[in-house]
Amino acid sequence: MKKQLFLTAFCLGSFALQSLSFCGFYVAKADTKLFNKTSQVIMVRDGNKTTVTMANDFKGNVKDFAMVIPVPNVLQKKDIRIVENSLFNKLDAYSGPRLVEYYDENPCSPRIQYDMLESIQYNNAIPTSISMKDVKRNKVLGVTIEAQYQVDEYDILILSAKESDGLKTWLTENGYKIPTAAAEVLAPYIKNNLKFFVVKVDLDKLNEINGTTNLNKYIKTHDNENIQNLRPIQISYTSPKFMLPIRLGMANSTGAQDMVVYAFSKEGRVECTNYRTVKIPSNENIPLFVKNKFGQFYVDLFERAHDKENKEAIFLEYAWNISPQFRGAKCDPCVGPPPIFTDLTKAGVNWAMNNGNQASSNVFFTRLHLRYSRNTHPRDLEFQVTPNKEHFQARYILTNTAVGDLSCNAGQTYCATVIKNRVNELENLSQLTSWSTVEYSGYVKEYYDLLKDKNILNEVKSTQKNKQPWLGVPSNESRLGLKIALFLSVVFLLTFAYLIRQKNPLASK
């Protein structure tokens, strides 16, 4: 309860100078846990420098963990860091699609609105002497170890290779478990002279850092599988290309995978250049009963949007200026405070504090969601930083109806509008998710019955008869049309009878 009050106060305070009507209560969020096989990546772009942080829930025995990432050059020890999973948790919770709840004001007793003023180091890398296999064997396979480091619990090699089969053989012989189809995927990277950032876990070091008794916090049981919550690895490099290699991760995949990218820049939104970047459907009014089904609602919404875009698009879920000097709200509603300087620095936003002056920094935060497979996304993702600073977030709106005496004229108009709005909310739900509206047809009837129980229904019909013919009461225009039609019918019948008599004189006797 205290948390909800804080969120509401934060939201109201942030929006007071803009518009109170846009602020609501945060109800629920759609985080990455809703989607199976989801990976998360933080990407920071500053000029030609890219910092990438990779989170991974590895399934299986931690000793089998291996990561192979193409990089444009040989990384130095200072370019490799380890961060905590809490950083991803915070970015996910803050930027995720959200459900927001509003409460209609009773038009018969409006409340007074008052103006509200706005209130609101890494461990050093330890060198290690990883024993190499026979140097001659390496030469035969065409693999060169360019650098080797131990960074906390990770053993890291930077490799170069002359051909993919040799690299695959070297990795296998040295205990790295890689996909069987990796060779064909490695070939294009080798052809483009990329290096390979190769990672394994040092179990002794992992136990030493976390303590053997605490190691279980890195292991969860899910669907009878061990999921290793290994700490994310962060790397930085300089390259004119702003890209994210995804093909290697699909080498042994049997289906589609989800990826969420948290991107930071100085200028504006980050967008994909070789696949379409589109906004996820947002800012739609949906029925109140979705409140208890929001997780499934968003999963089905994303599925439908993904299908409509031919399963190729990358979806924008959040884009906002989160710079300290930006005085407006950074979400609607906010599920908590935005990332602070410490979070941004850990993510690699090194300009967040410029010469000690926090207010001089400019940070734009973009969240992208991709579902990809070998068939739909045969190319690595290429990005660009755009000057687009338009704010956007995936938000879905619940509107609770007004309570109390609604017998005034404005109240009757309001009641009729609620019924119409509920019909529209069901239509929105169907369009967004393909859920059947027949199953939820009682959503409109329940409010209609409520009016009847409170003896308001007749008054609504009486008040709205000239405005809302859909309630079953003919309007003045409808009544006039009926009168004209009746008059013409009488004239036609009299004329027809007259003509019959003229043709048959006996009919008049």
Protein backbone atom coordinates (compact mmCIF):
# COMPACT_ATOMS: atom_id res chain seq x y z
CA MET A 1 0.00 0.00 0.00
CA LYS A 2 2.82 2.40 0.88
CA LYS A 3 4.48 1.61 -2.42
CA GLN A 4 1.33 2.38 -4.38
CA LEU A 5 0.92 5.69 -2.55
CA PHE A 6 4.50 6.62 -3.34
CA LEU A 7 4.03 5.81 -7.02
CA THR A 8 0.88 7.88 -7.18
CA ALA A 9 2.48 10.84 -5.44
CA PHE A 10 5.52 10.62 -7.69
CA CYS A 11 3.31 10.55 -10.75
CA LEU A 12 1.11 13.44 -9.67
CA GLY A 13 4.05 15.56 -8.72
CA SER A 14 5.79 14.95 -12.01
CA PHE A 15 2.77 15.71 -14.15
CA ALA A 16 1.30 18.67 -12.27
CA LEU A 17 2.92 21.24 -14.50
CA GLN A 18 1.79 19.44 -17.65
CA SER A 19 -1.63 17.89 -17.19
CA LEU A 20 -3.25 16.17 -14.23
CA SER A 21 -5.55 14.26 -16.57
CA PHE A 22 -2.71 12.03 -17.79
CA CYS A 23 -1.76 10.62 -14.43
CA GLY A 24 -3.01 7.30 -13.15
CA PHE A 25 -2.29 4.48 -10.75
CA TYR A 26 0.28 1.91 -11.83
CA VAL A 27 -1.40 -1.50 -11.68
CA ALA A 28 0.82 -4.10 -13.33
CA LYS A 29 3.78 -4.44 -15.66
CA ALA A 30 4.74 -6.89 -18.38
CA ASP A 31 8.35 -7.88 -17.73
CA THR A 32 10.71 -10.19 -19.56
CA LYS A 33 9.73 -13.16 -17.37
CA LEU A 34 6.44 -13.42 -19.32
CA PHE A 35 8.29 -14.64 -22.40
CA ASN A 36 10.14 -17.92 -22.78
CA LYS A 37 13.73 -18.01 -24.02
CA THR A 38 14.28 -14.30 -23.42
CA SER A 39 17.72 -12.71 -23.45
CA GLN A 40 18.46 -9.16 -22.33
CA VAL A 41 21.14 -6.82 -23.63
CA ILE A 42 22.17 -3.29 -22.68
CA MET A 43 23.71 -1.28 -25.52
CA VAL A 44 25.30 2.15 -25.06
CA ARG A 45 26.43 4.17 -28.07
CA ASP A 46 28.68 7.22 -27.82
CA GLY A 47 30.19 8.24 -31.14
CA ASN A 48 31.92 5.11 -32.43
CA LYS A 49 32.20 3.55 -28.99
CA THR A 50 29.79 0.74 -28.10
CA THR A 51 29.34 -0.83 -24.69
CA VAL A 52 27.39 -4.09 -24.58
CA THR A 53 26.22 -5.83 -21.41
CA MET A 54 24.80 -9.34 -21.75
CA ALA A 55 22.53 -11.10 -19.26
CA ASN A 56 21.94 -14.81 -19.54
CA ASP A 57 19.90 -17.36 -17.59
CA PHE A 58 21.98 -20.36 -18.51
CA LYS A 59 20.18 -23.71 -18.26
CA GLY A 60 22.30 -26.67 -17.31
CA ASN A 61 25.45 -27.35 -15.34
CA VAL A 62 27.50 -24.18 -14.83
CA LYS A 63 30.67 -26.01 -15.84
CA ASP A 64 29.19 -26.38 -19.32
CA PHE A 65 28.63 -22.64 -19.74
CA ALA A 66 30.38 -21.15 -22.77
CA MET A 67 29.89 -17.83 -24.55
CA VAL A 68 31.35 -16.95 -27.95
CA ILE A 69 30.79 -13.40 -29.19
CA PRO A 70 32.19 -11.81 -32.37
CA VAL A 71 33.95 -8.49 -31.64
CA PRO A 72 35.59 -6.06 -34.09
CA ASN A 73 38.99 -5.93 -32.37
CA VAL A 74 41.12 -7.36 -29.57
CA LEU A 75 39.70 -6.16 -26.26
CA GLN A 76 41.95 -4.88 -23.51
CA LYS A 77 41.52 -5.96 -19.92
CA LYS A 78 40.05 -2.58 -19.03
CA ASP A 79 37.32 -3.12 -21.66
CA ILE A 80 35.83 -6.08 -19.77
CA ARG A 81 33.72 -5.71 -16.63
CA ILE A 82 31.24 -7.70 -14.57
CA VAL A 83 27.94 -6.18 -13.38
CA GLU A 84 25.11 -7.38 -11.18
CA ASN A 85 21.80 -8.83 -12.37
CA SER A 86 20.00 -6.15 -10.36
CA LEU A 87 20.87 -3.63 -13.09
CA PHE A 88 18.80 -5.57 -15.64
CA ASN A 89 16.00 -6.06 -13.13
CA LYS A 90 15.75 -2.31 -12.58
CA LEU A 91 15.80 -1.38 -16.26
CA ASP A 92 13.21 -4.05 -17.05
CA ALA A 93 10.86 -3.00 -14.26
CA TYR A 94 11.15 0.69 -15.11
CA SER A 95 10.69 0.51 -18.88
CA GLY A 96 8.35 -2.49 -19.23
CA PRO A 97 4.83 -2.21 -20.72
CA ARG A 98 2.38 -1.21 -18.01
CA LEU A 99 -1.25 -1.25 -17.06
CA VAL A 100 -2.57 2.05 -15.70
CA GLU A 101 -5.81 2.60 -13.83
CA TYR A 102 -7.94 5.74 -13.80
CA TYR A 103 -11.08 6.65 -11.85
CA ASP A 104 -13.85 8.67 -13.50
CA GLU A 105 -15.05 11.70 -11.62
CA ASN A 106 -18.74 11.89 -10.73
CA PRO A 107 -20.12 14.63 -13.03
CA CYS A 108 -22.88 15.38 -10.51
CA SER A 109 -20.38 16.22 -7.75
CA PRO A 110 -17.03 17.18 -9.30
CA ARG A 111 -14.10 17.42 -6.94
CA ILE A 112 -11.96 20.52 -6.71
CA GLN A 113 -8.59 20.10 -8.39
CA TYR A 114 -5.65 21.85 -6.85
CA ASP A 115 -2.44 22.76 -8.60
CA MET A 116 0.40 20.57 -7.49
CA LEU A 117 4.03 21.55 -7.72
CA GLU A 118 6.70 19.16 -8.88
CA SER A 119 8.42 17.28 -6.07
CA ILE A 120 10.11 14.93 -6.96
CA GLN A 121 33.94 0.38 -8.67
CA TYR A 122 34.67 -2.84 -10.39
CA ASN A 123 37.05 -5.48 -9.20
CA ASN A 124 40.35 -5.23 -11.03
CA ALA A 125 40.93 -7.94 -13.59
CA ILE A 126 43.31 -10.53 -12.26
CA PRO A 127 45.74 -11.90 -14.82
CA THR A 128 45.72 -15.59 -15.22
CA SER A 129 47.94 -18.07 -16.99
CA ILE A 130 45.45 -20.24 -18.80
CA SER A 131 47.41 -23.18 -20.11
CA MET A 132 47.37 -23.39 -23.90
CA LYS A 133 47.16 -26.57 -25.85
CA ASP A 134 49.97 -27.57 -28.12
CA VAL A 135 51.03 -24.43 -30.04
CA LYS A 136 51.58 -26.55 -33.11
CA ARG A 137 48.04 -27.83 -32.87
CA ASN A 138 46.74 -24.25 -32.71
CA LYS A 139 48.72 -23.40 -35.82
CA VAL A 140 47.32 -26.39 -37.68
CA LEU A 141 43.77 -25.32 -36.81
CA GLY A 142 44.48 -21.72 -37.76
CA VAL A 143 43.56 -20.35 -34.33
CA THR A 144 45.53 -17.65 -32.52
CA ILE A 145 45.05 -16.66 -28.89
CA GLU A 146 45.31 -12.87 -29.07
CA ALA A 147 44.72 -12.24 -25.35
CA GLN A 148 43.74 -14.07 -22.18
CA TYR A 149 42.30 -12.72 -18.92
CA GLN A 150 40.57 -13.78 -15.77
CA VAL A 151 37.88 -11.30 -14.72
CA ASP A 152 36.36 -12.39 -11.44
CA GLU A 153 34.65 -15.75 -12.02
CA TYR A 154 35.19 -15.78 -15.79
CA ASP A 155 38.07 -17.15 -17.87
CA ILE A 156 38.26 -15.09 -21.04
CA LEU A 157 40.11 -15.56 -24.32
CA ILE A 158 40.25 -13.31 -27.39
CA LEU A 159 40.72 -15.51 -30.45
CA SER A 160 41.31 -14.97 -34.13
CA ALA A 161 40.85 -17.73 -36.69
CA LYS A 162 41.48 -18.44 -40.33
CA GLU A 163 38.55 -20.73 -40.95
CA SER A 164 35.38 -21.78 -39.12
CA ASP A 165 35.96 -25.55 -38.98
CA GLY A 166 39.33 -25.02 -37.34
CA LEU A 167 37.85 -22.62 -34.78
CA LYS A 168 35.03 -25.02 -34.00
CA THR A 169 37.50 -27.89 -33.57
CA TRP A 170 39.73 -25.79 -31.32
CA LEU A 171 36.81 -24.74 -29.10
CA THR A 172 35.60 -28.33 -28.80
CA GLU A 173 39.06 -29.71 -28.01
CA ASN A 174 39.53 -27.05 -25.32
CA GLY A 175 36.32 -27.92 -23.52
CA TYR A 176 33.94 -25.30 -24.92
CA LYS A 177 30.54 -26.76 -25.66
CA ILE A 178 29.19 -25.00 -28.74
CA PRO A 179 26.25 -25.70 -31.08
CA THR A 180 26.77 -28.40 -33.70
CA ALA A 181 25.78 -25.95 -36.45
CA ALA A 182 28.23 -23.28 -35.28
CA ALA A 183 30.76 -23.66 -38.10
CA GLU A 184 28.51 -22.24 -40.83
CA VAL A 185 27.60 -19.32 -38.61
CA LEU A 186 31.21 -18.56 -37.64
CA ALA A 187 32.37 -18.40 -41.28
CA PRO A 188 31.02 -14.90 -42.16
CA TYR A 189 32.59 -13.38 -39.04
CA ILE A 190 35.97 -14.91 -39.88
CA LYS A 191 35.69 -13.65 -43.45
CA ASN A 192 35.18 -10.12 -42.08
CA ASN A 193 38.26 -10.43 -39.85
CA LEU A 194 36.34 -10.27 -36.58
CA LYS A 195 37.82 -11.59 -33.36
CA PHE A 196 36.03 -13.89 -30.91
CA PHE A 197 35.38 -13.11 -27.26
CA VAL A 198 35.26 -16.55 -25.61
CA VAL A 199 34.13 -17.08 -22.01
CA LYS A 200 34.04 -19.97 -19.54
CA VAL A 201 33.28 -20.06 -15.81
CA ASP A 202 36.06 -20.67 -13.32
CA LEU A 203 34.22 -22.78 -10.74
CA ASP A 204 36.87 -22.36 -8.05
CA LYS A 205 36.81 -18.61 -8.45
CA LEU A 206 33.01 -18.58 -8.47
CA ASN A 207 32.95 -20.50 -5.19
CA GLU A 208 35.61 -18.22 -3.75
CA ILE A 209 33.71 -15.04 -4.67
CA ASN A 210 30.29 -16.16 -3.56
CA GLY A 211 31.15 -18.73 -0.94
CA THR A 212 30.22 -22.37 -1.43
CA THR A 213 27.28 -22.05 0.93
CA ASN A 214 25.92 -19.07 -1.00
CA LEU A 215 26.37 -20.55 -4.42
CA ASN A 216 22.73 -21.68 -4.47
CA LYS A 217 21.62 -18.09 -4.97
CA TYR A 218 23.02 -18.40 -8.48
CA ILE A 219 21.02 -21.57 -9.13
CA LYS A 220 17.24 -21.80 -9.43
CA THR A 221 15.06 -24.77 -10.24
CA HIS A 222 12.57 -24.20 -13.02
CA ASP A 223 10.73 -26.89 -14.97
CA ASN A 224 13.12 -29.47 -13.54
CA GLU A 225 16.09 -27.60 -15.02
CA ASN A 226 18.92 -25.79 -13.28
CA ILE A 227 19.03 -22.15 -14.34
CA GLN A 228 22.34 -20.48 -13.54
CA ASN A 229 21.97 -16.78 -12.74
CA LEU A 230 25.50 -15.95 -13.77
CA ARG A 231 26.51 -12.33 -13.50
CA PRO A 232 26.32 -10.29 -16.72
CA ILE A 233 29.48 -9.54 -18.69
CA GLN A 234 30.10 -6.09 -20.16
CA ILE A 235 32.48 -5.27 -22.99
CA SER A 236 33.43 -2.01 -24.71
CA TYR A 237 34.95 -1.49 -28.14
CA THR A 238 35.32 1.13 -30.85
CA SER A 239 33.88 0.52 -34.30
CA PRO A 240 31.95 2.54 -36.89
CA LYS A 241 29.45 -0.31 -36.96
CA PHE A 242 26.70 -0.27 -34.33
CA MET A 243 25.48 -3.85 -34.42
CA LEU A 244 24.50 -6.87 -32.34
CA PRO A 245 25.39 -10.39 -33.51
CA ILE A 246 22.46 -12.75 -33.05
CA ARG A 247 23.14 -15.47 -35.63
CA LEU A 248 25.56 -17.42 -33.45
CA GLY A 249 22.92 -17.74 -30.74
CA MET A 250 20.53 -19.29 -33.25
CA ALA A 251 22.95 -21.95 -34.46
CA ASN A 252 21.40 -24.67 -32.35
CA SER A 253 17.98 -23.13 -31.79
CA THR A 254 14.82 -25.07 -32.61
CA GLY A 255 12.42 -22.14 -32.43
CA ALA A 256 11.89 -18.44 -31.93
CA GLN A 257 13.61 -16.50 -29.17
CA ASP A 258 12.81 -13.15 -27.56
CA MET A 259 15.34 -10.41 -26.95
CA VAL A 260 14.92 -7.14 -25.08
CA VAL A 261 17.45 -4.39 -25.82
CA TYR A 262 17.93 -1.48 -23.42
CA ALA A 263 19.74 1.20 -25.43
CA PHE A 264 21.21 4.52 -24.30
CA SER A 265 22.44 7.45 -26.36
CA LYS A 266 23.04 11.19 -26.10
CA GLU A 267 20.95 12.22 -29.10
CA GLY A 268 17.65 10.29 -29.24
CA ARG A 269 16.03 6.97 -30.02
CA VAL A 270 18.02 3.94 -31.08
CA GLU A 271 16.43 2.13 -34.04
CA CYS A 272 17.25 -0.89 -36.15
CA THR A 273 18.32 -0.15 -39.74
CA ASN A 274 18.09 -3.54 -41.41
CA TYR A 275 14.74 -4.55 -39.89
CA ARG A 276 11.74 -2.31 -39.36
CA THR A 277 11.37 -0.60 -35.99
CA VAL A 278 7.68 -0.07 -35.17
CA LYS A 279 5.77 1.06 -32.11
CA ILE A 280 3.95 -1.64 -30.19
CA PRO A 281 0.18 -0.86 -30.10
CA SER A 282 -0.32 1.40 -27.09
CA ASN A 283 -2.53 3.88 -25.23
CA GLU A 284 -5.66 1.81 -25.72
CA ASN A 285 -8.61 1.60 -23.34
CA ILE A 286 -9.28 -2.01 -22.37
CA PRO A 287 -11.91 -3.71 -20.13
CA LEU A 288 -11.53 -3.73 -16.37
CA PHE A 289 -11.38 -7.53 -16.16
CA VAL A 290 -7.96 -7.47 -17.90
CA LYS A 291 -6.54 -6.24 -14.59
CA ASN A 292 -6.18 -9.84 -13.39
CA LYS A 293 -5.01 -11.11 -16.78
CA PHE A 294 -2.52 -8.47 -17.82
CA GLY A 295 0.39 -10.87 -18.26
CA GLN A 296 -1.47 -13.06 -20.74
CA PHE A 297 -2.99 -9.97 -22.34
CA TYR A 298 0.41 -8.54 -23.22
CA VAL A 299 1.82 -11.88 -24.37
CA ASP A 300 -1.13 -12.27 -26.78
CA LEU A 301 -0.90 -8.63 -27.85
CA PHE A 302 2.77 -9.02 -28.72
CA GLU A 303 2.08 -12.28 -30.56
CA ARG A 304 -0.60 -10.63 -32.69
CA ALA A 305 1.52 -7.56 -33.44
CA HIS A 306 4.45 -9.84 -34.32
CA ASP A 307 2.29 -11.81 -36.77
CA LYS A 308 0.85 -8.65 -38.36
CA GLU A 309 4.39 -7.42 -39.06
CA ASN A 310 5.26 -10.67 -40.83
CA LYS A 311 7.35 -11.73 -37.81
CA GLU A 312 10.21 -9.44 -38.81
CA ALA A 313 9.78 -6.11 -37.02
CA ILE A 314 11.49 -4.88 -33.87
CA PHE A 315 9.00 -3.29 -31.48
CA LEU A 316 9.54 -0.07 -29.58
CA GLU A 317 8.22 -0.46 -26.01
CA TYR A 318 9.70 2.62 -24.34
CA ALA A 319 11.54 5.79 -25.41
CA TRP A 320 12.15 8.72 -23.09
CA ASN A 321 14.57 11.43 -22.14
CA ILE A 322 15.73 10.45 -18.65
CA SER A 323 18.32 13.23 -18.36
CA PRO A 324 18.45 14.94 -14.98
CA GLN A 325 17.89 18.35 -16.57
CA PHE A 326 14.68 17.13 -18.24
CA ARG A 327 12.09 18.47 -15.83
CA GLY A 328 9.02 16.66 -17.15
CA ALA A 329 7.79 13.24 -16.13
CA LYS A 330 9.76 10.28 -17.46
CA CYS A 331 6.80 7.90 -17.74
CA ASP A 332 3.02 7.80 -17.26
CA PRO A 333 2.61 6.48 -14.68
CA CYS A 334 6.03 5.91 -13.15
CA VAL A 335 6.54 2.53 -11.54
CA GLY A 336 9.36 4.03 -9.50
CA PRO A 337 12.22 6.48 -9.89
CA PRO A 338 14.17 6.38 -13.17
CA PRO A 339 17.70 4.93 -13.34
CA ILE A 340 20.07 7.04 -11.26
CA PHE A 341 23.67 8.03 -12.06
CA THR A 342 25.05 4.90 -10.44
CA ASP A 343 22.84 2.69 -12.62
CA LEU A 344 23.73 4.59 -15.77
CA THR A 345 27.44 4.45 -15.04
CA LYS A 346 27.27 0.69 -14.44
CA ALA A 347 25.44 0.32 -17.77
CA GLY A 348 28.29 2.13 -19.54
CA VAL A 349 26.79 5.60 -19.88
CA ASN A 350 30.11 7.24 -19.15
CA TRP A 351 28.92 10.74 -20.03
CA ALA A 352 26.22 10.65 -17.32
CA MET A 353 28.54 12.75 -15.16
CA ASN A 354 30.47 15.30 -17.20
CA ASN A 355 33.33 16.83 -15.21
CA GLY A 356 31.36 16.28 -12.03
CA ASN A 357 28.36 18.24 -13.34
CA GLN A 358 25.45 15.82 -13.28
CA ALA A 359 22.96 18.31 -14.76
CA SER A 360 25.02 18.65 -17.95
CA SER A 361 24.42 15.08 -19.07
CA ASN A 362 21.87 14.10 -21.70
CA VAL A 363 20.60 10.52 -21.69
CA PHE A 364 17.91 9.05 -23.94
CA PHE A 365 16.64 5.57 -23.05
CA THR A 366 15.15 3.20 -25.67
CA ARG A 367 13.64 -0.24 -25.05
CA LEU A 368 13.28 -2.56 -28.04
CA HIS A 369 11.68 -6.03 -28.13
CA LEU A 370 12.49 -8.55 -30.83
CA ARG A 371 11.31 -12.09 -31.53
CA TYR A 372 13.63 -13.80 -33.95
CA SER A 373 14.46 -17.15 -35.54
CA ARG A 374 16.81 -18.43 -38.21
CA ASN A 375 14.10 -18.06 -40.84
CA THR A 376 12.85 -14.59 -39.97
CA HIS A 377 16.15 -12.89 -39.09
CA PRO A 378 19.03 -14.31 -41.12
CA ARG A 379 21.16 -11.16 -40.56
CA ASP A 380 22.72 -9.65 -37.44
CA LEU A 381 20.98 -6.57 -36.07
CA GLU A 382 22.31 -3.20 -37.20
CA PHE A 383 21.39 -0.03 -35.32
CA GLN A 384 21.61 3.73 -35.56
CA VAL A 385 21.17 6.59 -33.13
CA THR A 386 18.47 8.95 -34.40
CA PRO A 387 17.63 12.57 -33.46
CA ASN A 388 14.05 11.47 -32.68
CA LYS A 389 13.27 12.51 -29.11
CA GLU A 390 9.54 11.74 -29.17
CA HIS A 391 8.44 10.07 -25.95
CA PHE A 392 6.65 6.74 -26.09
CA GLN A 393 5.72 3.88 -23.81
CA ALA A 394 3.56 0.79 -24.02
CA ARG A 395 0.65 1.51 -21.68
CA TYR A 396 -2.89 0.15 -21.48
CA ILE A 397 -5.71 1.93 -19.72
CA LEU A 398 -8.37 0.76 -17.28
CA THR A 399 -11.14 3.23 -16.42
CA ASN A 400 -13.22 2.67 -13.31
CA THR A 401 -16.72 4.12 -13.50
CA ALA A 402 -17.87 6.95 -11.27
CA VAL A 403 -19.78 6.09 -8.10
CA GLY A 404 -22.42 7.95 -6.12
CA ASP A 405 -25.54 9.82 -7.19
CA LEU A 406 -25.72 10.12 -10.99
CA SER A 407 -29.26 11.50 -11.24
CA CYS A 408 -28.30 14.92 -12.63
CA ASN A 409 -28.46 15.56 -16.38
CA ALA A 410 -24.68 15.31 -16.74
CA GLY A 411 -24.79 12.04 -14.83
CA GLN A 412 -27.35 10.56 -17.21
CA THR A 413 -25.21 11.53 -20.18
CA TYR A 414 -22.20 9.98 -18.44
CA CYS A 415 -24.01 6.65 -17.81
CA ALA A 416 -24.96 6.35 -21.45
CA THR A 417 -21.37 7.10 -22.45
CA VAL A 418 -20.02 4.37 -20.15
CA ILE A 419 -22.10 1.73 -21.93
CA LYS A 420 -20.82 2.89 -25.29
CA ASN A 421 -17.23 3.03 -23.99
CA ARG A 422 -17.46 -0.54 -22.71
CA VAL A 423 -18.49 -1.71 -26.16
CA ASN A 424 -15.44 0.08 -27.58
CA GLU A 425 -13.16 -1.44 -24.93
CA LEU A 426 -14.23 -4.94 -25.95
CA GLU A 427 -13.57 -4.08 -29.59
CA ASN A 428 -10.10 -2.80 -28.67
CA LEU A 429 -9.41 -6.01 -26.76
CA SER A 430 -10.35 -8.11 -29.76
CA GLN A 431 -8.22 -6.03 -32.13
CA LEU A 432 -5.18 -6.13 -29.86
CA THR A 433 -5.22 -9.78 -28.81
CA SER A 434 -7.80 -11.66 -30.94
CA TRP A 435 -9.65 -12.57 -27.74
CA SER A 436 -13.29 -13.41 -28.39
CA THR A 437 -15.67 -10.63 -27.35
CA VAL A 438 -18.54 -13.13 -27.15
CA GLU A 439 -17.00 -14.66 -24.04
CA TYR A 440 -17.03 -11.26 -22.33
CA SER A 441 -20.33 -9.88 -23.61
CA GLY A 442 -21.55 -9.67 -20.01
CA TYR A 443 -19.08 -6.82 -19.45
CA VAL A 444 -21.52 -4.37 -21.06
CA LYS A 445 -24.63 -5.99 -19.62
CA GLU A 446 -23.35 -5.84 -16.04
CA TYR A 447 -23.24 -2.05 -16.11
CA TYR A 448 -26.62 -1.91 -17.87
CA ASP A 449 -28.06 -4.13 -15.12
CA LEU A 450 -26.43 -1.98 -12.45
CA LEU A 451 -28.24 1.07 -13.79
CA LYS A 452 -31.47 -0.88 -13.78
CA ASP A 453 -30.97 -1.99 -10.17
CA LYS A 454 -30.36 1.60 -9.11
CA ASN A 455 -33.46 2.74 -11.00
CA ILE A 456 -31.28 4.92 -13.18
CA LEU A 457 -31.89 3.14 -16.48
CA ASN A 458 -35.29 4.74 -17.21
CA GLU A 459 -33.91 8.16 -16.39
CA VAL A 460 -30.96 7.55 -18.72
CA LYS A 461 -33.28 6.55 -21.54
CA SER A 462 -35.51 9.55 -20.89
CA THR A 463 -32.61 11.99 -20.78
CA GLN A 464 -30.81 10.48 -23.75
CA LYS A 465 -33.74 9.73 -26.04
CA ASN A 466 -32.91 12.70 -28.26
CA LYS A 467 -29.17 11.97 -28.27
CA GLN A 468 -28.61 8.22 -28.08
CA PRO A 469 -30.95 6.24 -30.34
CA TRP A 470 -28.67 3.20 -29.75
CA LEU A 471 -30.25 2.86 -26.29
CA GLY A 472 -33.51 1.86 -27.99
CA VAL A 473 -35.34 5.21 -27.66
CA PRO A 474 -36.11 6.92 -31.01
CA SER A 475 -34.74 10.45 -31.42
CA ASN A 476 -36.80 13.45 -32.65
CA GLU A 477 -35.35 12.95 -36.12
CA SER A 478 -36.42 9.31 -36.05
CA ARG A 479 -39.96 10.25 -34.93
CA LEU A 480 -40.26 12.82 -37.78
CA GLY A 481 -39.15 10.23 -40.30
CA LEU A 482 -41.81 7.79 -39.07
CA LYS A 483 -44.52 10.44 -39.33
CA ILE A 484 -43.53 11.33 -42.91
CA ALA A 485 -43.44 7.66 -43.90
CA LEU A 486 -46.88 7.06 -42.35
CA PHE A 487 -48.35 10.09 -44.13
CA LEU A 488 -47.02 9.00 -47.52
CA SER A 489 -48.34 5.49 -46.95
CA VAL A 490 -51.85 6.84 -46.28
CA VAL A 491 -51.71 9.04 -49.40
CA PHE A 492 -50.58 6.08 -51.48
CA LEU A 493 -53.40 3.84 -50.21
CA LEU A 494 -56.09 6.49 -50.86
CA THR A 495 -54.77 7.11 -54.37
CA PHE A 496 -54.64 3.41 -55.09
CA ALA A 497 -58.27 2.95 -53.89
CA TYR A 498 -59.44 5.87 -56.04
CA LEU A 499 -57.87 4.39 -59.17
CA ILE A 500 -59.47 1.00 -58.53
CA ARG A 501 -62.89 2.57 -58.24
CA GLN A 502 -62.41 4.49 -61.49
CA LYS A 503 -61.70 1.26 -63.36
CA ASN A 504 -64.56 -0.67 -61.69
CA PRO A 505 -67.67 1.53 -61.13
CA LEU A 506 -69.50 -1.40 -59.45
CA ALA A 507 -66.98 -1.26 -56.61
CA SER A 508 -68.47 2.10 -55.57
CA LYS A 509 -72.05 0.81 -55.32
